[in-house]
N, C-alpha and C. Protein backbone atom coordinates (compact mmCIF):
# COMPACT_ATOMS: atom_id res chain seq x y z
N MET A 1 71.11 38.43 29.57
CA MET A 1 70.04 39.09 29.27
C MET A 1 70.48 40.35 28.28
N ALA A 2 70.12 40.24 26.95
CA ALA A 2 70.49 41.67 26.25
C ALA A 2 69.72 42.52 26.64
N ASP A 3 70.57 43.95 26.76
CA ASP A 3 69.63 45.05 27.03
C ASP A 3 69.45 45.92 25.86
N THR A 4 69.55 45.41 24.37
CA THR A 4 69.53 46.16 23.37
C THR A 4 68.22 45.78 22.78
N VAL A 5 67.52 46.81 22.16
CA VAL A 5 66.34 46.70 21.67
C VAL A 5 66.42 46.13 20.16
N THR A 6 65.89 44.96 19.76
CA THR A 6 66.02 44.31 18.65
C THR A 6 64.95 44.94 17.67
N SER A 7 65.04 45.07 16.50
CA SER A 7 64.20 45.72 15.54
C SER A 7 63.36 44.51 14.84
N VAL A 8 62.18 44.56 14.44
CA VAL A 8 61.52 43.73 13.82
C VAL A 8 61.12 44.26 12.40
N PRO A 9 60.74 43.37 11.39
CA PRO A 9 60.38 43.60 10.09
C PRO A 9 58.87 44.46 10.63
N GLU A 10 58.76 45.49 9.48
CA GLU A 10 57.40 46.32 9.69
C GLU A 10 55.91 45.41 9.61
N SER A 11 56.43 44.33 8.87
CA SER A 11 55.24 43.50 8.62
C SER A 11 54.67 42.65 9.82
N PHE A 12 55.72 42.48 10.84
CA PHE A 12 55.44 41.70 12.00
C PHE A 12 54.43 42.17 12.85
N THR A 13 53.57 41.72 13.23
CA THR A 13 52.66 42.22 14.13
C THR A 13 53.09 41.74 15.73
N PHE A 14 52.61 42.33 16.68
CA PHE A 14 53.13 41.92 18.23
C PHE A 14 53.00 40.43 18.27
N LEU A 15 51.78 39.91 17.88
CA LEU A 15 51.80 38.61 17.98
C LEU A 15 52.71 37.75 17.24
N ASP A 16 53.26 38.15 16.22
CA ASP A 16 54.25 37.27 15.40
C ASP A 16 55.49 37.42 16.14
N GLU A 17 55.84 38.63 16.68
CA GLU A 17 57.09 38.93 17.44
C GLU A 17 57.25 38.20 18.72
N VAL A 18 56.08 37.93 19.27
CA VAL A 18 55.87 37.33 20.80
C VAL A 18 56.27 35.84 20.44
N GLN A 19 55.49 35.36 18.97
CA GLN A 19 55.68 33.91 18.80
C GLN A 19 57.22 33.59 18.42
N ALA A 20 57.70 34.48 17.62
CA ALA A 20 58.99 34.27 17.14
C ALA A 20 60.20 34.44 18.03
N ARG A 21 59.82 35.23 19.17
CA ARG A 21 60.90 35.29 20.47
C ARG A 21 60.85 34.36 21.41
N THR A 22 59.90 33.52 21.40
CA THR A 22 59.56 32.64 22.50
C THR A 22 60.09 31.25 21.97
N PRO A 23 61.27 30.69 22.95
CA PRO A 23 61.78 29.59 22.43
C PRO A 23 61.05 28.62 22.01
N GLY A 24 61.48 27.51 21.16
CA GLY A 24 60.61 26.45 20.85
C GLY A 24 59.22 27.02 20.20
N GLU A 25 58.16 26.30 20.40
CA GLU A 25 56.82 26.39 19.86
C GLU A 25 55.94 27.07 20.93
N SER A 26 55.51 28.23 20.74
CA SER A 26 54.80 28.77 21.87
C SER A 26 53.27 28.45 21.88
N ARG A 27 52.98 27.78 20.78
CA ARG A 27 51.41 27.51 20.73
C ARG A 27 50.55 28.63 21.13
N LEU A 28 50.83 29.68 21.29
CA LEU A 28 50.18 30.91 21.55
C LEU A 28 48.51 31.01 20.63
N LEU A 29 48.78 30.48 19.51
CA LEU A 29 47.69 30.52 18.57
C LEU A 29 46.54 29.56 18.93
N MET A 30 46.97 28.60 19.82
CA MET A 30 46.05 27.54 20.02
C MET A 30 45.25 27.78 21.30
N CYS A 31 45.43 29.09 22.10
CA CYS A 31 44.66 29.50 23.30
C CYS A 31 43.26 29.60 22.72
N ILE A 32 42.54 28.87 23.69
CA ILE A 32 40.92 28.81 23.30
C ILE A 32 40.33 29.58 24.25
N GLN A 33 41.02 30.40 25.15
CA GLN A 33 40.45 31.40 26.26
C GLN A 33 39.52 30.74 27.21
N CYS A 34 40.07 29.52 27.69
CA CYS A 34 39.11 28.73 28.50
C CYS A 34 39.34 29.25 30.07
N GLY A 35 40.77 29.89 30.44
CA GLY A 35 40.66 30.47 31.72
C GLY A 35 41.36 29.36 32.71
N THR A 36 41.71 28.31 32.04
CA THR A 36 42.55 27.31 33.34
C THR A 36 43.69 27.98 33.84
N CYS A 37 44.41 28.82 32.84
CA CYS A 37 45.70 29.25 33.20
C CYS A 37 45.65 30.18 34.44
N GLY A 38 44.73 31.10 34.30
CA GLY A 38 44.51 32.10 35.42
C GLY A 38 43.96 31.36 36.61
N GLY A 39 42.94 30.50 36.45
CA GLY A 39 42.49 29.81 37.49
C GLY A 39 43.51 28.77 38.26
N SER A 40 44.53 28.43 37.50
CA SER A 40 45.74 27.59 38.15
C SER A 40 46.83 28.40 38.76
N CYS A 41 46.79 29.74 38.51
CA CYS A 41 47.99 30.64 38.74
C CYS A 41 48.04 31.01 40.37
N PRO A 42 49.16 30.75 41.10
CA PRO A 42 49.16 30.83 42.67
C PRO A 42 49.23 32.51 42.68
N SER A 43 49.61 33.16 41.74
CA SER A 43 49.93 34.64 41.74
C SER A 43 48.60 35.38 40.98
N GLY A 44 47.67 34.62 40.41
CA GLY A 44 46.78 35.26 39.73
C GLY A 44 45.95 36.51 40.33
N ALA A 45 45.73 36.48 41.58
CA ALA A 45 44.91 37.51 42.23
C ALA A 45 45.72 38.84 42.01
N ASP A 46 47.04 38.79 41.83
CA ASP A 46 47.95 40.16 42.21
C ASP A 46 48.09 40.60 40.50
N MET A 47 47.67 39.75 39.82
CA MET A 47 47.98 40.05 38.37
C MET A 47 46.89 41.03 37.85
N GLN A 48 47.43 42.25 37.09
CA GLN A 48 46.46 43.19 36.27
C GLN A 48 45.80 42.61 35.37
N HIS A 49 46.10 41.43 34.65
CA HIS A 49 45.53 40.78 33.68
C HIS A 49 45.67 39.11 33.74
N THR A 50 44.76 38.47 33.46
CA THR A 50 44.99 36.92 33.52
C THR A 50 45.78 36.90 32.26
N PRO A 51 46.57 35.61 32.27
CA PRO A 51 47.39 35.00 31.06
C PRO A 51 46.33 35.15 29.84
N ARG A 52 45.30 34.74 30.01
CA ARG A 52 44.35 34.59 28.66
C ARG A 52 43.89 35.99 28.37
N HIS A 53 43.86 36.91 29.30
CA HIS A 53 43.36 38.25 28.69
C HIS A 53 44.69 38.87 28.07
N ILE A 54 45.90 38.66 28.56
CA ILE A 54 47.01 39.12 27.91
C ILE A 54 47.29 38.47 26.63
N PHE A 55 47.18 37.36 26.53
CA PHE A 55 47.05 36.61 25.20
C PHE A 55 45.86 37.08 24.18
N ALA A 56 44.75 37.52 24.64
CA ALA A 56 43.85 38.26 23.87
C ALA A 56 44.49 39.67 23.30
N MET A 57 44.95 40.33 24.25
CA MET A 57 45.67 41.74 23.87
C MET A 57 46.66 41.43 23.32
N ILE A 58 47.37 40.46 23.31
CA ILE A 58 48.58 40.12 22.13
C ILE A 58 47.85 40.04 20.80
N ARG A 59 47.10 39.36 20.65
CA ARG A 59 46.47 39.29 19.33
C ARG A 59 45.78 40.52 18.65
N ALA A 60 45.37 41.20 19.77
CA ALA A 60 44.75 42.73 19.53
C ALA A 60 45.92 43.71 19.28
N ASP A 61 47.09 43.35 19.14
CA ASP A 61 48.36 44.09 19.05
C ASP A 61 48.28 45.36 20.07
N MET A 62 48.02 44.87 21.10
CA MET A 62 48.08 45.97 22.35
C MET A 62 49.62 45.92 22.86
N ARG A 63 50.37 46.09 22.22
CA ARG A 63 51.96 45.88 22.69
C ARG A 63 52.25 46.53 24.11
N GLU A 64 51.88 48.00 24.20
CA GLU A 64 52.45 48.82 25.33
C GLU A 64 51.65 48.55 26.37
N GLU A 65 50.38 48.16 26.21
CA GLU A 65 49.59 47.92 27.38
C GLU A 65 50.01 46.23 27.96
N VAL A 66 50.42 45.35 26.98
CA VAL A 66 50.96 44.20 27.55
C VAL A 66 52.50 44.20 28.44
N LEU A 67 53.26 44.88 27.57
CA LEU A 67 54.67 45.16 27.99
C LEU A 67 54.61 45.83 29.29
N SER A 68 53.66 46.77 29.68
CA SER A 68 53.58 47.71 30.70
C SER A 68 52.90 46.98 31.93
N SER A 69 52.08 45.72 31.62
CA SER A 69 51.51 45.09 32.64
C SER A 69 52.15 44.62 33.52
N ASN A 70 51.85 44.17 34.75
CA ASN A 70 52.57 43.69 35.89
C ASN A 70 52.61 42.02 35.75
N THR A 71 51.55 41.52 34.73
CA THR A 71 51.45 40.02 34.81
C THR A 71 52.47 39.01 34.64
N PRO A 72 53.38 39.58 33.64
CA PRO A 72 54.70 38.48 33.30
C PRO A 72 55.62 38.79 34.72
N TRP A 73 55.64 39.75 35.34
CA TRP A 73 56.51 39.93 36.68
C TRP A 73 55.87 39.19 37.79
N TYR A 74 54.71 38.75 37.85
CA TYR A 74 54.13 38.07 38.80
C TYR A 74 54.03 36.52 38.58
N CYS A 75 54.53 36.17 37.47
CA CYS A 75 54.85 34.79 36.95
C CYS A 75 55.68 34.37 37.79
N VAL A 76 55.47 33.36 38.68
CA VAL A 76 56.39 32.52 39.65
C VAL A 76 57.33 31.45 38.99
N SER A 77 56.89 31.23 37.75
CA SER A 77 57.78 30.31 37.02
C SER A 77 57.27 28.62 37.45
N CYS A 78 56.00 28.65 38.08
CA CYS A 78 55.89 26.95 38.73
C CYS A 78 55.31 26.24 37.62
N TYR A 79 55.03 26.73 36.48
CA TYR A 79 54.64 25.91 35.22
C TYR A 79 53.22 25.28 35.56
N TYR A 80 52.61 25.66 36.53
CA TYR A 80 51.22 25.06 36.73
C TYR A 80 50.19 25.36 35.61
N CYS A 81 50.34 26.42 35.04
CA CYS A 81 49.38 26.96 34.11
C CYS A 81 49.60 25.93 32.93
N THR A 82 50.94 26.06 32.63
CA THR A 82 51.46 25.18 31.28
C THR A 82 50.96 23.79 31.36
N VAL A 83 51.15 23.11 32.58
CA VAL A 83 50.74 21.56 32.70
C VAL A 83 49.39 21.49 32.68
N ARG A 84 48.55 22.27 33.02
CA ARG A 84 46.97 22.38 33.05
C ARG A 84 46.46 22.67 31.76
N CYS A 85 47.23 23.42 30.77
CA CYS A 85 46.62 24.16 29.87
C CYS A 85 46.08 22.76 28.63
N PRO A 86 44.78 22.82 28.43
CA PRO A 86 44.29 21.78 27.37
C PRO A 86 45.00 21.82 26.13
N GLN A 87 45.50 23.04 25.72
CA GLN A 87 46.26 23.41 24.42
C GLN A 87 47.45 23.05 24.27
N ASP A 88 48.12 22.86 25.47
CA ASP A 88 49.64 22.71 25.64
C ASP A 88 50.14 24.19 25.19
N VAL A 89 49.74 25.26 25.56
CA VAL A 89 50.11 26.51 25.37
C VAL A 89 51.31 26.52 26.29
N HIS A 90 52.49 27.14 25.88
CA HIS A 90 53.74 27.44 26.66
C HIS A 90 53.67 28.59 27.50
N ILE A 91 52.67 28.80 28.36
CA ILE A 91 52.47 29.94 28.84
C ILE A 91 53.65 30.51 29.46
N THR A 92 54.31 29.98 30.65
CA THR A 92 55.41 30.32 31.19
C THR A 92 56.65 30.83 30.54
N ASP A 93 56.78 30.00 29.34
CA ASP A 93 57.93 30.60 28.27
C ASP A 93 57.41 31.80 27.72
N ILE A 94 56.36 32.08 27.50
CA ILE A 94 55.79 33.27 27.09
C ILE A 94 55.86 34.57 27.81
N MET A 95 55.47 34.43 29.12
CA MET A 95 55.78 35.23 30.21
C MET A 95 57.15 35.54 30.19
N TYR A 96 58.00 34.72 30.03
CA TYR A 96 59.59 34.95 30.06
C TYR A 96 59.87 35.83 28.95
N THR A 97 59.25 35.66 27.78
CA THR A 97 59.40 36.39 26.54
C THR A 97 58.73 37.76 26.59
N LEU A 98 57.88 38.00 27.29
CA LEU A 98 57.05 39.16 27.70
C LEU A 98 58.11 40.22 28.61
N LYS A 99 58.61 39.45 29.70
CA LYS A 99 59.56 40.12 30.51
C LYS A 99 60.78 40.63 29.77
N ARG A 100 61.33 39.75 28.96
CA ARG A 100 62.50 40.38 28.02
C ARG A 100 62.17 41.51 27.26
N MET A 101 61.03 41.50 26.68
CA MET A 101 60.53 42.53 25.88
C MET A 101 60.08 43.80 26.66
N ALA A 102 59.59 43.60 27.76
CA ALA A 102 59.48 44.82 28.39
C ALA A 102 60.44 45.70 29.05
N VAL A 103 61.59 44.64 29.29
CA VAL A 103 62.92 45.09 29.79
C VAL A 103 63.54 45.90 28.44
N GLU A 104 63.47 45.30 27.21
CA GLU A 104 64.20 46.06 26.40
C GLU A 104 63.44 47.37 25.68
N SER A 105 62.13 47.32 25.86
CA SER A 105 61.45 48.50 25.46
C SER A 105 61.21 49.20 26.76
N ARG A 106 61.46 48.88 27.91
CA ARG A 106 61.51 49.99 29.11
C ARG A 106 60.10 50.28 29.38
N LEU A 107 59.34 49.26 29.36
CA LEU A 107 57.95 49.43 29.66
C LEU A 107 57.53 48.67 30.88
N TYR A 108 58.00 49.01 31.92
CA TYR A 108 57.52 48.25 32.95
C TYR A 108 57.26 49.38 34.20
N ASP A 109 56.41 48.96 34.98
CA ASP A 109 55.92 50.04 36.10
C ASP A 109 56.93 50.32 37.08
N ASN A 110 57.56 49.15 37.56
CA ASN A 110 58.39 49.07 38.85
C ASN A 110 59.70 48.63 38.41
N PRO A 111 60.69 49.36 38.53
CA PRO A 111 62.00 48.98 38.03
C PRO A 111 62.73 47.80 39.07
N ALA A 112 62.05 47.61 40.24
CA ALA A 112 62.53 46.53 41.02
C ALA A 112 62.53 45.08 40.31
N ALA A 113 61.42 44.76 39.71
CA ALA A 113 61.23 43.69 39.16
C ALA A 113 62.21 43.19 38.01
N PRO A 114 62.56 44.08 36.98
CA PRO A 114 63.69 43.86 36.12
C PRO A 114 64.88 43.73 36.71
N ASP A 115 65.18 44.70 37.58
CA ASP A 115 66.28 44.78 38.50
C ASP A 115 66.71 43.47 39.23
N PHE A 116 65.60 42.99 39.69
CA PHE A 116 65.98 41.58 40.39
C PHE A 116 66.24 40.62 39.30
N SER A 117 65.55 40.43 38.32
CA SER A 117 65.90 39.48 37.40
C SER A 117 67.31 39.57 36.79
N LYS A 118 67.78 40.84 36.32
CA LYS A 118 69.20 41.16 36.17
C LYS A 118 70.14 40.79 37.19
N VAL A 119 69.87 40.81 38.41
CA VAL A 119 70.90 40.40 39.54
C VAL A 119 70.87 39.16 39.58
N PHE A 120 69.84 38.48 39.57
CA PHE A 120 69.65 36.99 39.43
C PHE A 120 70.41 36.30 38.67
N ILE A 121 70.29 36.88 37.38
CA ILE A 121 70.93 36.13 36.23
C ILE A 121 72.52 36.42 36.41
N ASN A 122 72.65 37.52 36.90
CA ASN A 122 74.13 37.82 37.04
C ASN A 122 74.98 36.73 38.18
N TRP A 123 74.22 36.41 39.13
CA TRP A 123 74.73 35.30 40.03
C TRP A 123 74.78 34.10 39.34
N VAL A 124 73.89 33.67 38.74
CA VAL A 124 73.78 32.33 37.93
C VAL A 124 75.06 32.34 36.78
N GLU A 125 75.13 33.47 36.02
CA GLU A 125 76.11 33.19 35.14
C GLU A 125 77.54 33.17 35.59
N ASN A 126 77.64 33.57 36.79
CA ASN A 126 79.14 33.91 37.67
C ASN A 126 79.30 32.63 38.44
N TYR A 127 78.32 32.29 38.97
CA TYR A 127 78.51 31.05 39.77
C TYR A 127 77.77 29.71 39.42
N GLY A 128 77.01 29.89 38.50
CA GLY A 128 76.11 28.52 38.31
C GLY A 128 74.97 28.28 39.17
N ARG A 129 74.68 29.20 40.04
CA ARG A 129 73.19 29.04 40.89
C ARG A 129 73.14 30.49 41.46
N ALA A 130 71.72 30.62 42.21
CA ALA A 130 71.64 31.67 42.84
C ALA A 130 72.35 31.59 44.02
N PHE A 131 72.69 32.93 44.70
CA PHE A 131 73.15 32.95 45.91
C PHE A 131 72.14 34.20 46.61
N GLU A 132 71.29 33.34 47.55
CA GLU A 132 70.30 34.14 47.92
C GLU A 132 70.59 35.23 48.89
N LEU A 133 71.54 34.99 49.74
CA LEU A 133 72.04 36.22 50.73
C LEU A 133 72.48 37.36 49.81
N GLY A 134 73.32 37.06 48.94
CA GLY A 134 73.85 38.10 48.01
C GLY A 134 72.60 38.82 47.01
N LEU A 135 71.84 38.04 46.62
CA LEU A 135 70.70 38.46 45.75
C LEU A 135 70.06 39.35 46.47
N MET A 136 69.60 38.94 47.80
CA MET A 136 68.48 39.84 48.45
C MET A 136 69.12 41.07 49.17
N SER A 137 70.22 41.09 49.63
CA SER A 137 71.21 41.99 49.92
C SER A 137 71.27 43.45 48.69
N GLN A 138 71.72 42.83 47.71
CA GLN A 138 71.73 43.60 46.78
C GLN A 138 70.44 44.15 46.34
N HIS A 139 69.52 43.34 46.20
CA HIS A 139 68.06 44.04 45.62
C HIS A 139 67.49 44.88 46.91
N MET A 140 67.75 44.51 48.01
CA MET A 140 67.06 45.38 49.22
C MET A 140 67.76 46.61 49.32
N LEU A 141 69.09 46.43 49.23
CA LEU A 141 69.82 47.80 49.30
C LEU A 141 69.54 48.82 48.27
N ARG A 142 69.21 48.15 47.14
CA ARG A 142 68.90 49.16 45.96
C ARG A 142 67.53 49.60 45.79
N HIS A 143 66.42 48.82 46.27
CA HIS A 143 65.10 49.14 46.31
C HIS A 143 64.30 49.40 47.61
N ASN A 144 64.86 48.82 48.85
CA ASN A 144 64.21 48.96 50.03
C ASN A 144 65.23 48.81 51.06
N PRO A 145 66.12 50.14 51.26
CA PRO A 145 67.23 49.61 52.25
C PRO A 145 66.72 49.27 53.63
N LEU A 146 65.49 50.13 54.11
CA LEU A 146 65.18 49.71 55.35
C LEU A 146 64.60 48.20 55.70
N GLY A 147 64.29 47.79 54.61
CA GLY A 147 63.62 46.24 54.54
C GLY A 147 64.76 45.25 54.90
N VAL A 148 65.97 45.80 54.61
CA VAL A 148 66.92 44.86 55.10
C VAL A 148 66.83 44.31 56.80
N PHE A 149 66.60 45.62 57.46
CA PHE A 149 66.42 45.40 59.03
C PHE A 149 65.08 44.07 59.15
N LYS A 150 63.96 44.48 58.28
CA LYS A 150 63.13 43.49 58.71
C LYS A 150 63.38 42.11 58.19
N MET A 151 64.43 41.87 57.31
CA MET A 151 64.74 40.37 56.91
C MET A 151 65.81 39.96 57.79
N ALA A 152 66.50 40.74 58.47
CA ALA A 152 67.74 40.43 59.15
C ALA A 152 67.68 39.36 60.10
N ASP A 153 66.48 38.91 60.91
CA ASP A 153 66.37 38.02 61.83
C ASP A 153 66.33 36.51 61.12
N MET A 154 65.50 36.57 59.94
CA MET A 154 65.25 35.37 59.17
C MET A 154 66.51 34.99 58.63
N GLY A 155 67.32 35.98 57.78
CA GLY A 155 68.41 35.81 57.30
C GLY A 155 69.55 35.10 58.06
N ILE A 156 69.68 35.78 59.42
CA ILE A 156 70.44 35.09 60.39
C ILE A 156 70.10 33.75 60.61
N GLY A 157 68.84 33.56 60.96
CA GLY A 157 68.28 32.18 61.23
C GLY A 157 68.61 31.21 60.25
N MET A 158 68.38 31.48 58.76
CA MET A 158 68.75 30.60 57.84
C MET A 158 70.26 30.22 57.69
N VAL A 159 71.09 31.23 57.96
CA VAL A 159 72.49 31.14 57.65
C VAL A 159 73.02 30.01 58.75
N THR A 160 72.63 30.38 60.01
CA THR A 160 73.02 29.60 61.13
C THR A 160 72.52 28.16 61.01
N LYS A 161 71.39 28.00 60.42
CA LYS A 161 70.71 26.83 60.53
C LYS A 161 71.30 25.99 59.06
N GLY A 162 72.18 26.62 58.45
CA GLY A 162 72.46 25.88 57.20
C GLY A 162 71.49 26.00 56.08
N ARG A 163 70.74 26.84 55.97
CA ARG A 163 69.55 26.81 55.26
C ARG A 163 69.95 27.73 54.00
N MET A 164 70.90 28.53 54.32
CA MET A 164 71.36 29.46 53.21
C MET A 164 72.88 29.86 53.44
N ALA A 165 73.65 29.83 52.59
CA ALA A 165 75.09 29.97 52.43
C ALA A 165 75.18 31.48 52.93
N PHE A 166 76.60 31.50 53.50
CA PHE A 166 76.97 32.96 53.90
C PHE A 166 77.78 33.45 52.92
N THR A 167 78.52 32.65 52.08
CA THR A 167 79.26 33.19 50.94
C THR A 167 78.94 32.39 49.39
N PRO A 168 78.87 32.93 48.50
CA PRO A 168 78.44 32.17 47.27
C PRO A 168 79.71 30.96 47.13
N LYS A 169 79.20 29.95 46.30
CA LYS A 169 79.74 28.75 45.97
C LYS A 169 79.69 28.55 44.38
N ARG A 170 80.68 28.46 43.63
CA ARG A 170 80.50 28.12 42.27
C ARG A 170 80.33 26.65 42.13
N ILE A 171 79.44 26.26 41.17
CA ILE A 171 79.22 24.96 40.66
C ILE A 171 80.51 24.35 40.00
N ARG A 172 80.61 23.19 39.97
CA ARG A 172 81.58 22.33 39.31
C ARG A 172 81.11 22.61 37.93
N GLY A 173 82.26 22.66 36.96
CA GLY A 173 82.05 22.61 35.56
C GLY A 173 81.37 24.14 35.06
N ILE A 174 81.72 25.16 36.01
CA ILE A 174 81.28 26.59 35.70
C ILE A 174 81.66 27.02 34.35
N ALA A 175 82.88 26.68 33.94
CA ALA A 175 83.41 26.87 32.38
C ALA A 175 82.27 26.32 31.45
N GLY A 176 81.96 25.11 31.61
CA GLY A 176 81.04 24.45 30.76
C GLY A 176 79.65 25.17 30.68
N LEU A 177 79.24 25.73 31.88
CA LEU A 177 78.05 26.38 32.00
C LEU A 177 78.12 27.75 31.23
N LYS A 178 79.20 28.36 31.27
CA LYS A 178 79.47 29.71 30.61
C LYS A 178 79.41 29.54 29.07
N GLN A 179 79.98 28.40 28.61
CA GLN A 179 80.07 28.06 27.05
C GLN A 179 78.43 27.93 26.72
N ILE A 180 77.63 27.34 27.44
CA ILE A 180 76.12 26.98 27.23
C ILE A 180 75.48 28.23 27.14
N ILE A 181 75.87 29.31 28.04
CA ILE A 181 75.22 30.38 28.20
C ILE A 181 75.36 31.30 26.87
N ALA A 182 76.92 31.27 26.74
CA ALA A 182 77.38 32.14 25.54
C ALA A 182 76.74 31.64 24.37
N LYS A 183 76.52 30.47 23.89
CA LYS A 183 76.08 29.85 22.75
C LYS A 183 74.59 30.39 23.01
N ALA A 184 73.77 29.91 24.02
CA ALA A 184 72.50 30.43 23.89
C ALA A 184 72.14 32.07 23.41
N LYS A 185 73.11 32.89 24.05
CA LYS A 185 72.93 34.37 23.52
C LYS A 185 73.42 34.39 22.20
N GLU A 186 74.32 33.61 21.48
CA GLU A 186 74.61 33.55 20.23
C GLU A 186 73.19 33.40 19.25
N LEU A 187 72.73 32.45 19.96
CA LEU A 187 71.49 31.89 19.14
C LEU A 187 70.12 32.64 19.50
N GLU A 188 69.96 33.80 20.31
CA GLU A 188 68.99 34.34 20.56
C GLU A 188 68.43 35.10 19.25
N VAL A 189 67.22 35.13 19.18
CA VAL A 189 66.42 35.70 17.93
C VAL A 189 66.76 37.02 17.72
N VAL A 190 67.20 37.50 16.63
CA VAL A 190 67.65 39.01 16.14
C VAL A 190 67.10 39.23 15.11
N TYR A 191 66.14 40.10 14.82
CA TYR A 191 65.53 40.51 13.67
C TYR A 191 66.20 41.78 13.05
N GLU A 192 66.32 41.61 11.76
CA GLU A 192 66.90 42.55 10.91
C GLU A 192 66.19 43.06 9.88
């Protein structure tokens, strides 16, 4: 994930930028504000704004309000909203775009969420998969050191029952994955 802030043409609205930075076709303009997404979301009750409200805010050019919202960070990437959307809006992909933009703009309320994403991406880029014990240890030590003690019994139980690895293990073909990731980074949308 790039940490550099990309510049956009002055003529671009926030809506234009979100659409352009979302991989594939976002279909954001197809949103009919039906609310199926928010009603489908397992994290909806914890979001400051429902996805449909976020989309209306994007159309209203409310960049700072959208990017500082907790909504994208509460998206658990289950794709249930996307599957149920009658207009085939790629809601989860848009949420990923908003997370990236929030990190680049440093418009997030709690640094724990973007930091968790960065740590997760680091494990995947280096090992080809998440390493749960390392991920949670790093994250908890940075953001909630005393929480490590609360999670210790569960973690030990998962390791001893073979449900979680004690050490990270690289996937076969990690070199190929690294090439794919490098190419994806090369192809990221950059506005000039």
